N, C-alpha and C. Protein backbone atom coordinates (compact mmCIF):
# COMPACT_ATOMS: atom_id res chain seq x y z
N MET A 1 35.69 124.26 63.80
CA MET A 1 37.21 124.48 63.83
C MET A 1 37.65 123.70 65.08
N GLY A 2 37.00 123.73 66.20
CA GLY A 2 37.52 123.08 67.41
C GLY A 2 38.15 124.14 68.32
N ARG A 3 38.56 123.67 69.41
CA ARG A 3 39.27 124.49 70.39
C ARG A 3 40.70 124.79 70.07
N PRO A 4 41.08 126.07 70.37
CA PRO A 4 42.53 126.49 70.15
C PRO A 4 43.42 125.44 70.90
N ARG A 5 44.55 125.30 70.39
CA ARG A 5 45.58 124.39 70.93
C ARG A 5 46.26 125.11 72.05
N ARG A 6 46.44 124.45 73.18
CA ARG A 6 47.23 124.99 74.24
C ARG A 6 48.77 124.90 73.85
N ALA A 7 49.43 125.79 74.53
CA ALA A 7 50.92 125.64 74.36
C ALA A 7 51.43 124.39 75.08
N THR A 8 52.45 123.79 74.41
CA THR A 8 53.10 122.63 75.06
C THR A 8 53.81 122.98 76.31
N PRO A 9 53.48 122.04 77.36
CA PRO A 9 54.15 122.23 78.61
C PRO A 9 55.72 122.22 78.57
N PRO A 10 56.34 122.98 79.44
CA PRO A 10 57.83 123.14 79.28
C PRO A 10 58.52 121.77 79.33
N GLU A 11 58.07 120.72 80.07
CA GLU A 11 58.72 119.55 80.14
C GLU A 11 58.71 118.75 78.74
N ASN A 12 57.81 119.30 77.89
CA ASN A 12 57.74 118.59 76.61
C ASN A 12 58.70 119.45 75.66
N TRP A 13 58.42 120.78 75.52
CA TRP A 13 59.20 121.48 74.52
C TRP A 13 60.60 121.62 74.65
N LYS A 14 61.11 121.45 75.91
CA LYS A 14 62.51 121.58 76.22
C LYS A 14 63.29 120.48 75.32
N ARG A 15 62.58 119.37 75.08
CA ARG A 15 63.10 118.34 74.36
C ARG A 15 63.30 118.63 72.98
N TRP A 16 62.65 119.81 72.45
CA TRP A 16 62.73 120.18 71.01
C TRP A 16 64.17 120.55 70.65
N TYR A 17 64.87 121.05 71.59
CA TYR A 17 66.21 121.61 71.49
C TYR A 17 67.15 120.35 71.09
N ASP A 18 66.77 119.25 71.32
CA ASP A 18 67.61 117.98 71.16
C ASP A 18 67.38 117.48 69.80
N LEU A 19 66.36 117.88 69.03
CA LEU A 19 65.91 117.40 67.79
C LEU A 19 66.84 117.83 66.72
N ALA A 20 67.18 117.00 65.70
CA ALA A 20 67.93 117.31 64.58
C ALA A 20 67.56 118.48 63.80
N VAL A 21 66.34 118.71 63.67
CA VAL A 21 65.86 120.01 63.01
C VAL A 21 66.32 121.17 63.71
N TRP A 22 66.33 121.14 64.99
CA TRP A 22 66.77 122.38 65.70
C TRP A 22 68.34 122.47 65.60
N ARG A 23 69.05 121.40 65.82
CA ARG A 23 70.41 121.42 65.79
C ARG A 23 70.90 121.88 64.42
N SER A 24 70.21 121.59 63.42
CA SER A 24 70.32 122.09 62.09
C SER A 24 70.31 123.43 61.93
N LYS A 25 69.14 124.10 62.36
CA LYS A 25 68.92 125.41 62.35
C LYS A 25 69.85 126.22 63.20
N ARG A 26 70.23 125.67 64.37
CA ARG A 26 71.14 126.33 65.27
C ARG A 26 72.55 126.49 64.49
N ALA A 27 72.96 125.37 63.81
CA ALA A 27 74.28 125.38 63.21
C ALA A 27 74.24 126.43 62.09
N ALA A 28 73.15 126.45 61.34
CA ALA A 28 73.01 127.41 60.18
C ALA A 28 73.09 128.77 60.77
N GLN A 29 72.23 129.23 61.76
CA GLN A 29 72.41 130.56 62.30
C GLN A 29 73.70 130.89 62.74
N LEU A 30 74.42 130.10 63.37
CA LEU A 30 75.68 130.35 63.92
C LEU A 30 76.83 130.52 62.73
N ARG A 31 76.55 129.79 61.70
CA ARG A 31 77.44 129.90 60.51
C ARG A 31 77.26 131.11 59.78
N GLU A 32 75.94 131.54 59.62
CA GLU A 32 75.68 132.71 58.92
C GLU A 32 75.85 134.10 59.63
N HIS A 33 75.57 133.94 61.07
CA HIS A 33 75.71 135.01 61.89
C HIS A 33 76.55 134.68 63.12
N PRO A 34 77.88 134.60 63.07
CA PRO A 34 78.69 134.06 64.05
C PRO A 34 78.94 134.92 65.31
N LEU A 35 78.71 136.23 65.15
CA LEU A 35 78.96 137.09 66.26
C LEU A 35 77.65 137.48 66.99
N CYS A 36 77.85 137.82 68.18
CA CYS A 36 76.80 138.21 69.23
C CYS A 36 76.24 139.56 68.52
N GLN A 37 74.71 139.57 68.19
CA GLN A 37 74.24 140.71 67.65
C GLN A 37 74.28 141.93 68.52
N HIS A 38 74.02 141.66 69.78
CA HIS A 38 74.03 142.86 70.62
C HIS A 38 75.44 143.46 70.82
N CYS A 39 76.36 142.65 71.09
CA CYS A 39 77.78 143.09 71.28
C CYS A 39 78.28 143.81 69.94
N PHE A 40 77.90 143.27 68.76
CA PHE A 40 78.36 143.97 67.57
C PHE A 40 77.74 145.36 67.37
N GLN A 41 76.52 145.46 67.82
CA GLN A 41 75.87 146.73 67.81
C GLN A 41 76.42 147.75 68.72
N GLN A 42 77.24 147.31 69.70
CA GLN A 42 78.08 148.11 70.62
C GLN A 42 79.41 148.30 70.20
N GLY A 43 79.84 147.71 68.94
CA GLY A 43 81.31 147.86 68.44
C GLY A 43 82.16 146.77 69.00
N LEU A 44 81.66 145.69 69.60
CA LEU A 44 82.46 144.76 70.18
C LEU A 44 82.35 143.53 69.26
N ILE A 45 83.47 142.83 69.18
CA ILE A 45 83.45 141.46 68.37
C ILE A 45 83.62 140.30 69.33
N VAL A 46 82.45 139.65 69.59
CA VAL A 46 82.37 138.70 70.52
C VAL A 46 81.63 137.40 69.73
N PRO A 47 82.22 136.21 69.78
CA PRO A 47 81.52 135.11 69.20
C PRO A 47 80.13 134.72 69.84
N ALA A 48 79.20 134.46 69.02
CA ALA A 48 77.88 133.97 69.53
C ALA A 48 78.04 132.60 69.85
N THR A 49 77.37 132.14 70.93
CA THR A 49 77.41 130.77 71.24
C THR A 49 76.00 130.18 71.42
N VAL A 50 75.02 131.18 71.58
CA VAL A 50 73.50 130.79 71.76
C VAL A 50 72.65 131.38 70.56
N VAL A 51 71.78 130.49 70.17
CA VAL A 51 70.81 130.84 69.09
C VAL A 51 69.39 131.07 69.97
N ASP A 52 68.90 132.24 69.64
CA ASP A 52 67.84 132.82 70.46
C ASP A 52 66.59 133.03 69.57
N HIS A 53 65.39 132.74 70.06
CA HIS A 53 64.18 133.05 69.27
C HIS A 53 63.93 134.54 69.71
N ILE A 54 63.79 135.44 68.63
CA ILE A 54 63.55 136.87 68.88
C ILE A 54 62.32 137.12 69.71
N GLN A 55 61.23 136.42 69.18
CA GLN A 55 59.85 136.35 69.99
C GLN A 55 59.88 135.06 70.60
N PRO A 56 59.68 134.97 71.93
CA PRO A 56 59.65 133.63 72.54
C PRO A 56 58.57 132.75 72.09
N HIS A 57 58.90 131.37 71.96
CA HIS A 57 57.95 130.55 71.14
C HIS A 57 56.89 130.23 72.06
N ARG A 58 57.13 130.06 73.35
CA ARG A 58 56.15 129.82 74.56
C ARG A 58 55.40 128.63 74.32
N GLY A 59 56.15 127.57 73.76
CA GLY A 59 55.70 126.25 73.65
C GLY A 59 54.88 125.99 72.32
N SER A 60 54.86 126.99 71.39
CA SER A 60 54.41 126.75 70.04
C SER A 60 55.18 126.14 69.21
N TRP A 61 55.01 124.99 68.66
CA TRP A 61 55.86 124.31 67.66
C TRP A 61 56.19 125.16 66.51
N ASN A 62 54.88 125.79 65.94
CA ASN A 62 55.20 126.65 64.70
C ASN A 62 56.18 127.75 65.03
N ALA A 63 55.99 128.57 66.07
CA ALA A 63 56.80 129.61 66.39
C ALA A 63 58.16 129.13 66.77
N PHE A 64 58.47 127.89 67.38
CA PHE A 64 59.77 127.33 67.59
C PHE A 64 60.54 127.08 66.30
N ILE A 65 59.80 126.66 65.28
CA ILE A 65 60.39 126.13 63.81
C ILE A 65 60.46 127.31 63.06
N LEU A 66 59.57 128.18 63.04
CA LEU A 66 59.45 129.27 61.94
C LEU A 66 59.83 130.62 62.58
N GLY A 67 60.11 130.77 63.76
CA GLY A 67 60.30 132.17 64.39
C GLY A 67 61.62 132.52 64.03
N LYS A 68 61.92 133.96 64.02
CA LYS A 68 63.04 134.62 63.65
C LYS A 68 64.08 134.37 64.73
N LEU A 69 65.27 134.09 64.50
CA LEU A 69 66.39 133.72 65.34
C LEU A 69 67.48 134.95 65.37
N GLN A 70 68.16 134.92 66.38
CA GLN A 70 69.32 135.82 66.53
C GLN A 70 70.46 135.01 67.22
N SER A 71 71.72 135.51 66.92
CA SER A 71 72.85 134.83 67.49
C SER A 71 73.18 135.74 68.66
N LEU A 72 73.48 135.20 69.81
CA LEU A 72 73.95 135.99 70.98
C LEU A 72 74.96 135.29 71.80
N CYS A 73 75.70 136.08 72.65
CA CYS A 73 76.60 135.51 73.57
C CYS A 73 75.71 135.17 74.75
N VAL A 74 76.32 134.40 75.52
CA VAL A 74 75.66 133.73 76.78
C VAL A 74 75.16 134.92 77.64
N ASP A 75 76.05 135.98 77.84
CA ASP A 75 75.64 136.99 78.77
C ASP A 75 74.46 137.81 78.20
N HIS A 76 74.37 138.01 76.87
CA HIS A 76 73.33 138.81 76.38
C HIS A 76 72.00 137.91 76.27
N HIS A 77 72.12 136.57 76.18
CA HIS A 77 70.99 135.60 76.17
C HIS A 77 70.34 135.55 77.53
N ASN A 78 71.31 135.44 78.52
CA ASN A 78 70.77 135.48 79.72
C ASN A 78 70.10 136.69 80.34
N ASN A 79 70.61 137.82 79.99
CA ASN A 79 70.25 139.05 80.20
C ASN A 79 68.71 139.21 79.62
N LYS A 80 68.70 138.67 78.26
CA LYS A 80 67.39 138.96 77.56
C LYS A 80 66.25 138.22 78.26
N ARG A 81 66.65 136.81 78.73
CA ARG A 81 65.63 136.02 79.25
C ARG A 81 65.14 136.60 80.60
N TRP A 82 66.17 137.27 81.31
CA TRP A 82 65.79 137.97 82.57
C TRP A 82 64.92 138.93 82.54
N HIS A 83 64.96 139.73 81.39
CA HIS A 83 64.09 140.90 81.18
C HIS A 83 62.64 140.43 80.46
N ASP A 84 62.77 139.26 79.80
CA ASP A 84 61.47 138.88 79.18
C ASP A 84 60.64 138.18 80.16
N ASN A 85 60.97 137.98 81.40
CA ASN A 85 60.19 137.38 82.38
C ASN A 85 59.28 138.50 83.02
N PRO A 86 57.95 138.40 82.82
CA PRO A 86 57.16 139.40 83.25
C PRO A 86 57.04 139.58 84.76
N ARG A 87 57.61 138.62 85.60
CA ARG A 87 57.62 138.67 86.93
C ARG A 87 58.80 139.38 87.57
N THR A 88 59.81 139.66 86.59
CA THR A 88 61.02 140.33 87.02
C THR A 88 60.80 141.85 87.22
N LYS A 89 60.99 142.45 88.32
CA LYS A 89 60.81 143.74 88.61
C LYS A 89 62.20 144.63 88.56
N ALA A 90 63.29 143.95 88.16
CA ALA A 90 64.43 144.65 88.25
C ALA A 90 64.59 145.66 87.02
N PRO A 91 65.51 146.66 87.15
CA PRO A 91 65.58 147.57 86.11
C PRO A 91 66.24 146.96 84.91
N ARG A 92 65.92 147.45 83.69
CA ARG A 92 66.54 147.00 82.38
C ARG A 92 67.82 147.62 82.26
N PHE A 93 68.72 146.96 81.64
CA PHE A 93 70.13 147.45 81.30
C PHE A 93 70.25 147.45 79.79
N GLN A 94 70.47 148.73 79.25
CA GLN A 94 70.66 148.73 77.75
C GLN A 94 72.02 149.31 77.49
N GLN A 95 72.79 149.96 78.27
CA GLN A 95 74.01 150.58 77.91
C GLN A 95 74.98 150.23 79.11
N ILE A 96 76.36 150.41 78.68
CA ILE A 96 77.30 150.23 79.59
C ILE A 96 78.01 151.52 79.84
N GLY A 97 78.10 151.98 81.11
CA GLY A 97 78.54 153.31 81.38
C GLY A 97 80.09 153.30 81.25
N LEU A 98 80.83 154.48 81.40
CA LEU A 98 82.26 154.67 81.34
C LEU A 98 82.89 153.84 82.19
N ASP A 99 82.37 153.45 83.35
CA ASP A 99 83.03 152.81 84.47
C ASP A 99 82.93 151.32 84.21
N GLY A 100 82.25 150.75 83.08
CA GLY A 100 82.08 149.44 82.81
C GLY A 100 80.91 148.80 83.35
N TYR A 101 80.13 149.48 84.12
CA TYR A 101 78.97 148.93 84.79
C TYR A 101 77.55 149.34 83.89
N PRO A 102 76.57 148.47 83.93
CA PRO A 102 75.38 148.70 83.12
C PRO A 102 74.68 149.99 83.76
N VAL A 103 74.25 150.68 82.87
CA VAL A 103 73.43 151.89 83.07
C VAL A 103 71.83 151.52 82.97
N ALA A 104 71.13 151.86 84.02
CA ALA A 104 69.70 151.62 83.99
C ALA A 104 68.97 152.45 82.93
N ASP A 105 67.83 151.93 82.40
CA ASP A 105 67.07 152.62 81.40
C ASP A 105 66.86 154.14 81.84
N ASN A 106 66.33 154.31 83.09
CA ASN A 106 65.91 155.64 83.43
C ASN A 106 67.19 156.58 83.61
N ASP A 107 68.42 155.93 83.93
CA ASP A 107 69.67 156.63 83.89
C ASP A 107 70.12 157.18 82.39
N ALA A 108 69.85 156.22 81.53
CA ALA A 108 70.31 156.50 80.18
C ALA A 108 69.51 157.54 79.47
N ASP A 109 68.05 157.52 79.92
CA ASP A 109 67.29 158.55 79.26
C ASP A 109 67.44 159.89 79.76
N SER A 110 67.94 160.16 81.05
CA SER A 110 68.22 161.40 81.59
C SER A 110 69.66 161.83 81.32
N GLY A 111 70.50 160.91 80.66
CA GLY A 111 71.90 161.24 80.37
C GLY A 111 72.82 161.08 81.70
N ALA A 112 72.33 160.65 82.75
CA ALA A 112 73.09 160.50 83.99
C ALA A 112 73.99 159.25 83.83
N ALA A 113 75.18 159.51 84.46
CA ALA A 113 76.26 158.40 84.36
C ALA A 113 76.39 157.88 85.72
N ARG A 114 76.89 156.72 85.85
CA ARG A 114 76.93 156.01 87.32
C ARG A 114 78.23 156.58 87.87
């Protein structure tokens, strides 16, 4: 069978986002799901501007093309990417407190408010 294929280096897979196949998938995703999925779950109506791979493709062409997608606003996309980075040691934020600030997971679990 041969050796397993390595993931494509970032300098190569970043170009995939310029391909017609991705632009078509992105347009279809935003047409079918025009609202940010995370905002909608919180009862907010916010237009999605980013199409995100639910499971990061990590340079795999098959995962890039065939992976499940979700529509997100820029804020939720950037927050997701920040948390997906294993080197990030910062607290995760899942909820927004009554004062409008994010509530850390450990605060949300204990019911504490900011």
